[in-house]
Amino acid sequence: MTNQHTPGPWTAIGPAVYFPAHTNPMETGGFDISNCPHSEANARLIATAPELLEALQEALAALADNVGMQDTYIDFDQVRNAKAKASASIAKAIGQAS
């Protein structure tokens, strides 16, 4: 699966989202969404998009590997790690991360 977006990490600062520039990793690109209602919450959600995508991909892989494994080995570490990553990404997206 290839990424069709600018790789993370993206960062929300107030109502602006910053991400690494395509050509030079020392530069950043970004955009300001201050004209939108709930701009800071939207910026957090947008900035967390790459992390949320990765967490969902890992959760899907954990589910695919472990669903229907009732009588055989279930990789609980894989499931716990996917759950932790998804929970942390969600908390960051909604502004509850430290």
PDB file of N, CA and C in Angstrom:
ATOM      1  N   MET A   1       0.850  -1.173   0.000  1.00  0.00           N
ATOM      2  CA  MET A   1       0.000   0.000   0.000  1.00  0.00           C
ATOM      3  C   MET A   1       0.893   1.232   0.000  1.00  0.00           C
ATOM      4  N   THR A   2       0.735   2.100  -0.951  1.00  0.00           N
ATOM      5  CA  THR A   2       1.563   3.298  -1.030  1.00  0.00           C
ATOM      6  C   THR A   2       0.814   4.499  -0.492  1.00  0.00           C
ATOM      7  N   ASN A   3       1.583   5.435   0.043  1.00  0.00           N
ATOM      8  CA  ASN A   3       0.987   6.673   0.528  1.00  0.00           C
ATOM      9  C   ASN A   3       0.741   7.605  -0.643  1.00  0.00           C
ATOM     10  N   GLN A   4      -0.413   8.211  -0.680  1.00  0.00           N
ATOM     11  CA  GLN A   4      -0.769   9.183  -1.697  1.00  0.00           C
ATOM     12  C   GLN A   4      -0.833  10.570  -1.068  1.00  0.00           C
ATOM     13  N   HIS A   5      -0.153  10.748   0.056  1.00  0.00           N
ATOM     14  CA  HIS A   5      -0.203  12.021   0.763  1.00  0.00           C
ATOM     15  C   HIS A   5       1.195  12.384   1.248  1.00  0.00           C
ATOM     16  N   THR A   6       1.341  13.603   1.722  1.00  0.00           N
ATOM     17  CA  THR A   6       2.606  14.029   2.306  1.00  0.00           C
ATOM     18  C   THR A   6       2.827  13.231   3.583  1.00  0.00           C
ATOM     19  N   PRO A   7       3.965  12.564   3.716  1.00  0.00           N
ATOM     20  CA  PRO A   7       4.203  11.767   4.909  1.00  0.00           C
ATOM     21  C   PRO A   7       4.216  12.632   6.172  1.00  0.00           C
ATOM     22  N   GLY A   8       3.854  12.038   7.283  1.00  0.00           N
ATOM     23  CA  GLY A   8       3.887  12.729   8.558  1.00  0.00           C
ATOM     24  C   GLY A   8       5.296  12.764   9.110  1.00  0.00           C
ATOM     25  N   PRO A   9       5.503  13.323  10.265  1.00  0.00           N
ATOM     26  CA  PRO A   9       4.429  13.842  11.106  1.00  0.00           C
ATOM     27  C   PRO A   9       3.988  15.234  10.669  1.00  0.00           C
ATOM     28  N   TRP A  10       2.708  15.489  10.806  1.00  0.00           N
ATOM     29  CA  TRP A  10       2.160  16.810  10.596  1.00  0.00           C
ATOM     30  C   TRP A  10       1.966  17.409  11.991  1.00  0.00           C
ATOM     31  N   THR A  11       1.949  18.719  12.075  1.00  0.00           N
ATOM     32  CA  THR A  11       1.823  19.386  13.368  1.00  0.00           C
ATOM     33  C   THR A  11       0.759  20.471  13.276  1.00  0.00           C
ATOM     34  N   ALA A  12      -0.111  20.513  14.272  1.00  0.00           N
ATOM     35  CA  ALA A  12      -1.109  21.587  14.369  1.00  0.00           C
ATOM     36  C   ALA A  12      -0.619  22.589  15.397  1.00  0.00           C
ATOM     37  N   ILE A  13      -0.578  23.856  15.001  1.00  0.00           N
ATOM     38  CA  ILE A  13      -0.257  24.948  15.922  1.00  0.00           C
ATOM     39  C   ILE A  13      -1.375  25.961  15.755  1.00  0.00           C
ATOM     40  N   GLY A  14      -2.251  26.001  16.763  1.00  0.00           N
ATOM     41  CA  GLY A  14      -3.445  26.843  16.650  1.00  0.00           C
ATOM     42  C   GLY A  14      -4.268  26.363  15.466  1.00  0.00           C
ATOM     43  N   PRO A  15      -4.700  27.293  14.599  1.00  0.00           N
ATOM     44  CA  PRO A  15      -5.522  26.884  13.457  1.00  0.00           C
ATOM     45  C   PRO A  15      -4.700  26.560  12.210  1.00  0.00           C
ATOM     46  N   ALA A  16      -3.384  26.348  12.358  1.00  0.00           N
ATOM     47  CA  ALA A  16      -2.531  26.061  11.201  1.00  0.00           C
ATOM     48  C   ALA A  16      -1.989  24.639  11.271  1.00  0.00           C
ATOM     49  N   VAL A  17      -1.787  24.054  10.105  1.00  0.00           N
ATOM     50  CA  VAL A  17      -1.231  22.699   9.998  1.00  0.00           C
ATOM     51  C   VAL A  17       0.074  22.811   9.217  1.00  0.00           C
ATOM     52  N   TYR A  18       1.127  22.210   9.752  1.00  0.00           N
ATOM     53  CA  TYR A  18       2.443  22.223   9.106  1.00  0.00           C
ATOM     54  C   TYR A  18       2.867  20.797   8.813  1.00  0.00           C
ATOM     55  N   PHE A  19       3.539  20.614   7.696  1.00  0.00           N
ATOM     56  CA  PHE A  19       4.014  19.293   7.292  1.00  0.00           C
ATOM     57  C   PHE A  19       5.339  19.450   6.572  1.00  0.00           C
ATOM     58  N   PRO A  20       6.164  18.368   6.531  1.00  0.00           N
ATOM     59  CA  PRO A  20       7.446  18.461   5.846  1.00  0.00           C
ATOM     60  C   PRO A  20       7.245  18.777   4.368  1.00  0.00           C
ATOM     61  N   ALA A  21       8.102  19.631   3.841  1.00  0.00           N
ATOM     62  CA  ALA A  21       8.026  19.959   2.417  1.00  0.00           C
ATOM     63  C   ALA A  21       8.444  18.756   1.584  1.00  0.00           C
ATOM     64  N   HIS A  22       7.928  18.673   0.378  1.00  0.00           N
ATOM     65  CA  HIS A  22       8.214  17.536  -0.491  1.00  0.00           C
ATOM     66  C   HIS A  22       9.683  17.453  -0.884  1.00  0.00           C
ATOM     67  N   THR A  23      10.312  18.572  -1.144  1.00  0.00           N
ATOM     68  CA  THR A  23      11.647  18.557  -1.725  1.00  0.00           C
ATOM     69  C   THR A  23      12.759  18.650  -0.706  1.00  0.00           C
ATOM     70  N   ASN A  24      12.540  19.312   0.392  1.00  0.00           N
ATOM     71  CA  ASN A  24      13.581  19.501   1.382  1.00  0.00           C
ATOM     72  C   ASN A  24      13.020  19.222   2.764  1.00  0.00           C
ATOM     73  N   PRO A  25      13.485  18.148   3.428  1.00  0.00           N
ATOM     74  CA  PRO A  25      12.919  17.803   4.735  1.00  0.00           C
ATOM     75  C   PRO A  25      13.157  18.858   5.815  1.00  0.00           C
ATOM     76  N   MET A  26      14.093  19.789   5.568  1.00  0.00           N
ATOM     77  CA  MET A  26      14.340  20.838   6.546  1.00  0.00           C
ATOM     78  C   MET A  26      13.332  21.983   6.411  1.00  0.00           C
ATOM     79  N   GLU A  27      12.603  22.024   5.324  1.00  0.00           N
ATOM     80  CA  GLU A  27      11.588  23.052   5.108  1.00  0.00           C
ATOM     81  C   GLU A  27      10.220  22.478   5.445  1.00  0.00           C
ATOM     82  N   THR A  28       9.292  23.349   5.688  1.00  0.00           N
ATOM     83  CA  THR A  28       7.931  22.887   5.945  1.00  0.00           C
ATOM     84  C   THR A  28       6.960  23.611   5.030  1.00  0.00           C
ATOM     85  N   GLY A  29       5.874  22.947   4.760  1.00  0.00           N
ATOM     86  CA  GLY A  29       4.747  23.557   4.072  1.00  0.00           C
ATOM     87  C   GLY A  29       3.630  23.636   5.087  1.00  0.00           C
ATOM     88  N   GLY A  30       2.544  24.229   4.718  1.00  0.00           N
ATOM     89  CA  GLY A  30       1.436  24.273   5.653  1.00  0.00           C
ATOM     90  C   GLY A  30       0.296  25.114   5.131  1.00  0.00           C
ATOM     91  N   PHE A  31      -0.743  25.158   5.942  1.00  0.00           N
ATOM     92  CA  PHE A  31      -1.891  25.974   5.602  1.00  0.00           C
ATOM     93  C   PHE A  31      -2.599  26.379   6.870  1.00  0.00           C
ATOM     94  N   ASP A  32      -3.297  27.472   6.782  1.00  0.00           N
ATOM     95  CA  ASP A  32      -4.022  28.046   7.907  1.00  0.00           C
ATOM     96  C   ASP A  32      -5.510  27.915   7.616  1.00  0.00           C
ATOM     97  N   ILE A  33      -6.245  27.369   8.568  1.00  0.00           N
ATOM     98  CA  ILE A  33      -7.687  27.196   8.374  1.00  0.00           C
ATOM     99  C   ILE A  33      -8.471  28.041   9.385  1.00  0.00           C
ATOM    100  N   SER A  34      -7.908  29.191   9.763  1.00  0.00           N
ATOM    101  CA  SER A  34      -8.526  30.014  10.802  1.00  0.00           C
ATOM    102  C   SER A  34      -9.888  30.579  10.406  1.00  0.00           C
ATOM    103  N   ASN A  35     -10.213  30.540   9.118  1.00  0.00           N
ATOM    104  CA  ASN A  35     -11.509  31.060   8.691  1.00  0.00           C
ATOM    105  C   ASN A  35     -12.615  30.015   8.822  1.00  0.00           C
ATOM    106  N   CYS A  36     -12.301  28.845   9.311  1.00  0.00           N
ATOM    107  CA  CYS A  36     -13.301  27.777   9.467  1.00  0.00           C
ATOM    108  C   CYS A  36     -13.833  27.767  10.904  1.00  0.00           C
ATOM    109  N   PRO A  37     -15.099  27.372  11.082  1.00  0.00           N
ATOM    110  CA  PRO A  37     -15.579  27.155  12.447  1.00  0.00           C
ATOM    111  C   PRO A  37     -14.790  26.007  13.077  1.00  0.00           C
ATOM    112  N   HIS A  38     -14.525  26.074  14.340  1.00  0.00           N
ATOM    113  CA  HIS A  38     -13.802  25.018  15.065  1.00  0.00           C
ATOM    114  C   HIS A  38     -12.415  24.796  14.465  1.00  0.00           C
ATOM    115  N   SER A  39     -11.743  25.870  14.079  1.00  0.00           N
ATOM    116  CA  SER A  39     -10.497  25.768  13.318  1.00  0.00           C
ATOM    117  C   SER A  39      -9.393  25.007  14.051  1.00  0.00           C
ATOM    118  N   GLU A  40      -9.233  25.219  15.353  1.00  0.00           N
ATOM    119  CA  GLU A  40      -8.161  24.512  16.060  1.00  0.00           C
ATOM    120  C   GLU A  40      -8.447  23.019  16.149  1.00  0.00           C
ATOM    121  N   ALA A  41      -9.696  22.639  16.407  1.00  0.00           N
ATOM    122  CA  ALA A  41     -10.057  21.214  16.437  1.00  0.00           C
ATOM    123  C   ALA A  41      -9.870  20.585  15.059  1.00  0.00           C
ATOM    124  N   ASN A  42     -10.259  21.323  14.022  1.00  0.00           N
ATOM    125  CA  ASN A  42     -10.069  20.814  12.664  1.00  0.00           C
ATOM    126  C   ASN A  42      -8.589  20.658  12.344  1.00  0.00           C
ATOM    127  N   ALA A  43      -7.767  21.612  12.762  1.00  0.00           N
ATOM    128  CA  ALA A  43      -6.327  21.535  12.511  1.00  0.00           C
ATOM    129  C   ALA A  43      -5.728  20.317  13.206  1.00  0.00           C
ATOM    130  N   ARG A  44      -6.146  20.051  14.448  1.00  0.00           N
ATOM    131  CA  ARG A  44      -5.650  18.853  15.155  1.00  0.00           C
ATOM    132  C   ARG A  44      -6.017  17.587  14.402  1.00  0.00           C
ATOM    133  N   LEU A  45      -7.256  17.509  13.946  1.00  0.00           N
ATOM    134  CA  LEU A  45      -7.712  16.322  13.220  1.00  0.00           C
ATOM    135  C   LEU A  45      -6.949  16.148  11.908  1.00  0.00           C
ATOM    136  N   ILE A  46      -6.774  17.236  11.176  1.00  0.00           N
ATOM    137  CA  ILE A  46      -6.042  17.166   9.910  1.00  0.00           C
ATOM    138  C   ILE A  46      -4.594  16.766  10.160  1.00  0.00           C
ATOM    139  N   ALA A  47      -3.962  17.369  11.174  1.00  0.00           N
ATOM    140  CA  ALA A  47      -2.558  17.071  11.456  1.00  0.00           C
ATOM    141  C   ALA A  47      -2.347  15.625  11.887  1.00  0.00           C
ATOM    142  N   THR A  48      -3.359  15.022  12.470  1.00  0.00           N
ATOM    143  CA  THR A  48      -3.246  13.645  12.948  1.00  0.00           C
ATOM    144  C   THR A  48      -3.601  12.625  11.866  1.00  0.00           C
ATOM    145  N   ALA A  49      -4.048  13.067  10.704  1.00  0.00           N
ATOM    146  CA  ALA A  49      -4.497  12.151   9.651  1.00  0.00           C
ATOM    147  C   ALA A  49      -3.478  11.067   9.290  1.00  0.00           C
ATOM    148  N   PRO A  50      -2.199  11.381   9.057  1.00  0.00           N
ATOM    149  CA  PRO A  50      -1.262  10.299   8.720  1.00  0.00           C
ATOM    150  C   PRO A  50      -1.118   9.276   9.841  1.00  0.00           C
ATOM    151  N   GLU A  51      -1.104   9.756  11.089  1.00  0.00           N
ATOM    152  CA  GLU A  51      -0.985   8.867  12.236  1.00  0.00           C
ATOM    153  C   GLU A  51      -2.238   7.997  12.385  1.00  0.00           C
ATOM    154  N   LEU A  52      -3.411   8.598  12.185  1.00  0.00           N
ATOM    155  CA  LEU A  52      -4.665   7.840  12.249  1.00  0.00           C
ATOM    156  C   LEU A  52      -4.710   6.777  11.158  1.00  0.00           C
ATOM    157  N   LEU A  53      -4.260   7.128   9.957  1.00  0.00           N
ATOM    158  CA  LEU A  53      -4.229   6.159   8.868  1.00  0.00           C
ATOM    159  C   LEU A  53      -3.330   4.973   9.224  1.00  0.00           C
ATOM    160  N   GLU A  54      -2.151   5.259   9.742  1.00  0.00           N
ATOM    161  CA  GLU A  54      -1.226   4.186  10.119  1.00  0.00           C
ATOM    162  C   GLU A  54      -1.816   3.314  11.223  1.00  0.00           C
ATOM    163  N   ALA A  55      -2.456   3.942  12.224  1.00  0.00           N
ATOM    164  CA  ALA A  55      -3.069   3.181  13.314  1.00  0.00           C
ATOM    165  C   ALA A  55      -4.184   2.287  12.797  1.00  0.00           C
ATOM    166  N   LEU A  56      -4.992   2.807  11.885  1.00  0.00           N
ATOM    167  CA  LEU A  56      -6.071   1.990  11.307  1.00  0.00           C
ATOM    168  C   LEU A  56      -5.513   0.835  10.482  1.00  0.00           C
ATOM    169  N   GLN A  57      -4.440   1.083   9.746  1.00  0.00           N
ATOM    170  CA  GLN A  57      -3.830   0.009   8.965  1.00  0.00           C
ATOM    171  C   GLN A  57      -3.315  -1.098   9.881  1.00  0.00           C
ATOM    172  N   GLU A  58      -2.678  -0.714  10.995  1.00  0.00           N
ATOM    173  CA  GLU A  58      -2.192  -1.711  11.949  1.00  0.00           C
ATOM    174  C   GLU A  58      -3.349  -2.447  12.626  1.00  0.00           C
ATOM    175  N   ALA A  59      -4.413  -1.724  12.974  1.00  0.00           N
ATOM    176  CA  ALA A  59      -5.575  -2.366  13.594  1.00  0.00           C
ATOM    177  C   ALA A  59      -6.214  -3.361  12.630  1.00  0.00           C
ATOM    178  N   LEU A  60      -6.321  -2.981  11.378  1.00  0.00           N
ATOM    179  CA  LEU A  60      -6.882  -3.887  10.378  1.00  0.00           C
ATOM    180  C   LEU A  60      -6.024  -5.138  10.234  1.00  0.00           C
ATOM    181  N   ALA A  61      -4.716  -4.961  10.220  1.00  0.00           N
ATOM    182  CA  ALA A  61      -3.811  -6.111  10.124  1.00  0.00           C
ATOM    183  C   ALA A  61      -3.955  -7.023  11.345  1.00  0.00           C
ATOM    184  N   ALA A  62      -4.063  -6.416  12.538  1.00  0.00           N
ATOM    185  CA  ALA A  62      -4.229  -7.213  13.759  1.00  0.00           C
ATOM    186  C   ALA A  62      -5.540  -7.979  13.733  1.00  0.00           C
ATOM    187  N   LEU A  63      -6.601  -7.323  13.278  1.00  0.00           N
ATOM    188  CA  LEU A  63      -7.888  -8.012  13.174  1.00  0.00           C
ATOM    189  C   LEU A  63      -7.831  -9.135  12.150  1.00  0.00           C
ATOM    190  N   ALA A  64      -7.249  -8.855  11.000  1.00  0.00           N
ATOM    191  CA  ALA A  64      -7.164  -9.871   9.945  1.00  0.00           C
ATOM    192  C   ALA A  64      -6.356 -11.067  10.412  1.00  0.00           C
ATOM    193  N   ASP A  65      -5.298 -10.813  11.182  1.00  0.00           N
ATOM    194  CA  ASP A  65      -4.436 -11.907  11.646  1.00  0.00           C
ATOM    195  C   ASP A  65      -5.073 -12.706  12.774  1.00  0.00           C
ATOM    196  N   ASN A  66      -5.997 -12.121  13.527  1.00  0.00           N
ATOM    197  CA  ASN A  66      -6.470 -12.760  14.754  1.00  0.00           C
ATOM    198  C   ASN A  66      -7.958 -13.108  14.791  1.00  0.00           C
ATOM    199  N   VAL A  67      -8.759 -12.612  13.880  1.00  0.00           N
ATOM    200  CA  VAL A  67     -10.178 -12.951  13.865  1.00  0.00           C
ATOM    201  C   VAL A  67     -10.322 -14.412  13.449  1.00  0.00           C
ATOM    202  N   GLY A  68     -11.167 -15.124  14.155  1.00  0.00           N
ATOM    203  CA  GLY A  68     -11.404 -16.526  13.831  1.00  0.00           C
ATOM    204  C   GLY A  68     -10.337 -17.467  14.363  1.00  0.00           C
ATOM    205  N   MET A  69      -9.496 -16.983  15.280  1.00  0.00           N
ATOM    206  CA  MET A  69      -8.402 -17.799  15.807  1.00  0.00           C
ATOM    207  C   MET A  69      -8.774 -18.390  17.172  1.00  0.00           C
ATOM    208  N   GLN A  70     -10.028 -18.732  17.389  1.00  0.00           N
ATOM    209  CA  GLN A  70     -10.515 -19.131  18.707  1.00  0.00           C
ATOM    210  C   GLN A  70      -9.729 -20.286  19.325  1.00  0.00           C
ATOM    211  N   ASP A  71      -9.418 -21.295  18.562  1.00  0.00           N
ATOM    212  CA  ASP A  71      -8.762 -22.480  19.120  1.00  0.00           C
ATOM    213  C   ASP A  71      -7.268 -22.506  18.841  1.00  0.00           C
ATOM    214  N   THR A  72      -6.741 -21.453  18.276  1.00  0.00           N
ATOM    215  CA  THR A  72      -5.324 -21.415  17.984  1.00  0.00           C
ATOM    216  C   THR A  72      -4.716 -20.168  18.610  1.00  0.00           C
ATOM    217  N   TYR A  73      -3.471 -19.938  18.326  1.00  0.00           N
ATOM    218  CA  TYR A  73      -2.737 -18.831  18.927  1.00  0.00           C
ATOM    219  C   TYR A  73      -3.254 -17.484  18.465  1.00  0.00           C
ATOM    220  N   ILE A  74      -3.545 -16.600  19.418  1.00  0.00           N
ATOM    221  CA  ILE A  74      -3.911 -15.220  19.134  1.00  0.00           C
ATOM    222  C   ILE A  74      -2.744 -14.354  19.597  1.00  0.00           C
ATOM    223  N   ASP A  75      -2.286 -13.475  18.753  1.00  0.00           N
ATOM    224  CA  ASP A  75      -1.172 -12.591  19.082  1.00  0.00           C
ATOM    225  C   ASP A  75      -1.713 -11.389  19.857  1.00  0.00           C
ATOM    226  N   PHE A  76      -1.838 -11.573  21.172  1.00  0.00           N
ATOM    227  CA  PHE A  76      -2.400 -10.512  22.008  1.00  0.00           C
ATOM    228  C   PHE A  76      -1.516  -9.276  22.032  1.00  0.00           C
ATOM    229  N   ASP A  77      -0.195  -9.444  21.910  1.00  0.00           N
ATOM    230  CA  ASP A  77       0.687  -8.278  21.857  1.00  0.00           C
ATOM    231  C   ASP A  77       0.373  -7.431  20.625  1.00  0.00           C
ATOM    232  N   GLN A  78       0.140  -8.069  19.488  1.00  0.00           N
ATOM    233  CA  GLN A  78      -0.189  -7.339  18.264  1.00  0.00           C
ATOM    234  C   GLN A  78      -1.501  -6.580  18.440  1.00  0.00           C
ATOM    235  N   VAL A  79      -2.471  -7.242  19.033  1.00  0.00           N
ATOM    236  CA  VAL A  79      -3.778  -6.610  19.258  1.00  0.00           C
ATOM    237  C   VAL A  79      -3.647  -5.452  20.248  1.00  0.00           C
ATOM    238  N   ARG A  80      -2.913  -5.660  21.360  1.00  0.00           N
ATOM    239  CA  ARG A  80      -2.721  -4.595  22.351  1.00  0.00           C
ATOM    240  C   ARG A  80      -1.970  -3.407  21.753  1.00  0.00           C
ATOM    241  N   ASN A  81      -0.928  -3.671  20.967  1.00  0.00           N
ATOM    242  CA  ASN A  81      -0.162  -2.589  20.345  1.00  0.00           C
ATOM    243  C   ASN A  81      -1.019  -1.783  19.372  1.00  0.00           C
ATOM    244  N   ALA A  82      -1.825  -2.475  18.572  1.00  0.00           N
ATOM    245  CA  ALA A  82      -2.713  -1.778  17.629  1.00  0.00           C
ATOM    246  C   ALA A  82      -3.733  -0.935  18.390  1.00  0.00           C
ATOM    247  N   LYS A  83      -4.271  -1.484  19.477  1.00  0.00           N
ATOM    248  CA  LYS A  83      -5.248  -0.752  20.297  1.00  0.00           C
ATOM    249  C   LYS A  83      -4.605   0.483  20.912  1.00  0.00           C
ATOM    250  N   ALA A  84      -3.406   0.340  21.451  1.00  0.00           N
ATOM    251  CA  ALA A  84      -2.718   1.476  22.082  1.00  0.00           C
ATOM    252  C   ALA A  84      -2.422   2.574  21.066  1.00  0.00           C
ATOM    253  N   LYS A  85      -1.961   2.181  19.885  1.00  0.00           N
ATOM    254  CA  LYS A  85      -1.645   3.171  18.859  1.00  0.00           C
ATOM    255  C   LYS A  85      -2.912   3.882  18.388  1.00  0.00           C
ATOM    256  N   ALA A  86      -3.984   3.143  18.192  1.00  0.00           N
ATOM    257  CA  ALA A  86      -5.249   3.747  17.775  1.00  0.00           C
ATOM    258  C   ALA A  86      -5.776   4.688  18.858  1.00  0.00           C
ATOM    259  N   SER A  87      -5.712   4.275  20.113  1.00  0.00           N
ATOM    260  CA  SER A  87      -6.191   5.116  21.216  1.00  0.00           C
ATOM    261  C   SER A  87      -5.386   6.399  21.324  1.00  0.00           C
ATOM    262  N   ALA A  88      -4.068   6.308  21.197  1.00  0.00           N
ATOM    263  CA  ALA A  88      -3.212   7.492  21.281  1.00  0.00           C
ATOM    264  C   ALA A  88      -3.481   8.444  20.116  1.00  0.00           C
ATOM    265  N   SER A  89      -3.672   7.894  18.932  1.00  0.00           N
ATOM    266  CA  SER A  89      -3.943   8.734  17.761  1.00  0.00           C
ATOM    267  C   SER A  89      -5.284   9.450  17.894  1.00  0.00           C
ATOM    268  N   ILE A  90      -6.280   8.738  18.379  1.00  0.00           N
ATOM    269  CA  ILE A  90      -7.605   9.343  18.578  1.00  0.00           C
ATOM    270  C   ILE A  90      -7.515  10.454  19.619  1.00  0.00           C
ATOM    271  N   ALA A  91      -6.827  10.195  20.739  1.00  0.00           N
ATOM    272  CA  ALA A  91      -6.689  11.211  21.785  1.00  0.00           C
ATOM    273  C   ALA A  91      -5.998  12.457  21.249  1.00  0.00           C
ATOM    274  N   LYS A  92      -4.957  12.258  20.446  1.00  0.00           N
ATOM    275  CA  LYS A  92      -4.246  13.400  19.850  1.00  0.00           C
ATOM    276  C   LYS A  92      -5.165  14.177  18.906  1.00  0.00           C
ATOM    277  N   ALA A  93      -5.942  13.460  18.107  1.00  0.00           N
ATOM    278  CA  ALA A  93      -6.836  14.113  17.145  1.00  0.00           C
ATOM    279  C   ALA A  93      -7.914  14.945  17.824  1.00  0.00           C
ATOM    280  N   ILE A  94      -8.368  14.510  18.982  1.00  0.00           N
ATOM    281  CA  ILE A  94      -9.440  15.258  19.664  1.00  0.00           C
ATOM    282  C   ILE A  94      -8.910  16.174  20.765  1.00  0.00           C
ATOM    283  N   GLY A  95      -7.582  16.309  20.841  1.00  0.00           N
ATOM    284  CA  GLY A  95      -6.984  17.269  21.756  1.00  0.00           C
ATOM    285  C   GLY A  95      -6.833  16.784  23.169  1.00  0.00           C
ATOM    286  N   GLN A  96      -6.797  15.477  23.398  1.00  0.00           N
ATOM    287  CA  GLN A  96      -6.622  14.951  24.743  1.00  0.00           C
ATOM    288  C   GLN A  96      -5.221  14.414  24.991  1.00  0.00           C
ATOM    289  N   ALA A  97      -4.342  14.480  23.997  1.00  0.00           N
ATOM    290  CA  ALA A  97      -2.986  13.985  24.163  1.00  0.00           C
ATOM    291  C   ALA A  97      -2.156  15.021  24.895  1.00  0.00           C
ATOM    292  N   SER A  98      -1.195  14.532  25.659  1.00  0.00           N
ATOM    293  CA  SER A  98      -0.344  15.477  26.403  1.00  0.00           C
ATOM    294  C   SER A  98       0.792  15.978  25.553  1.00  0.00           C
TER     295      SER A  98
END
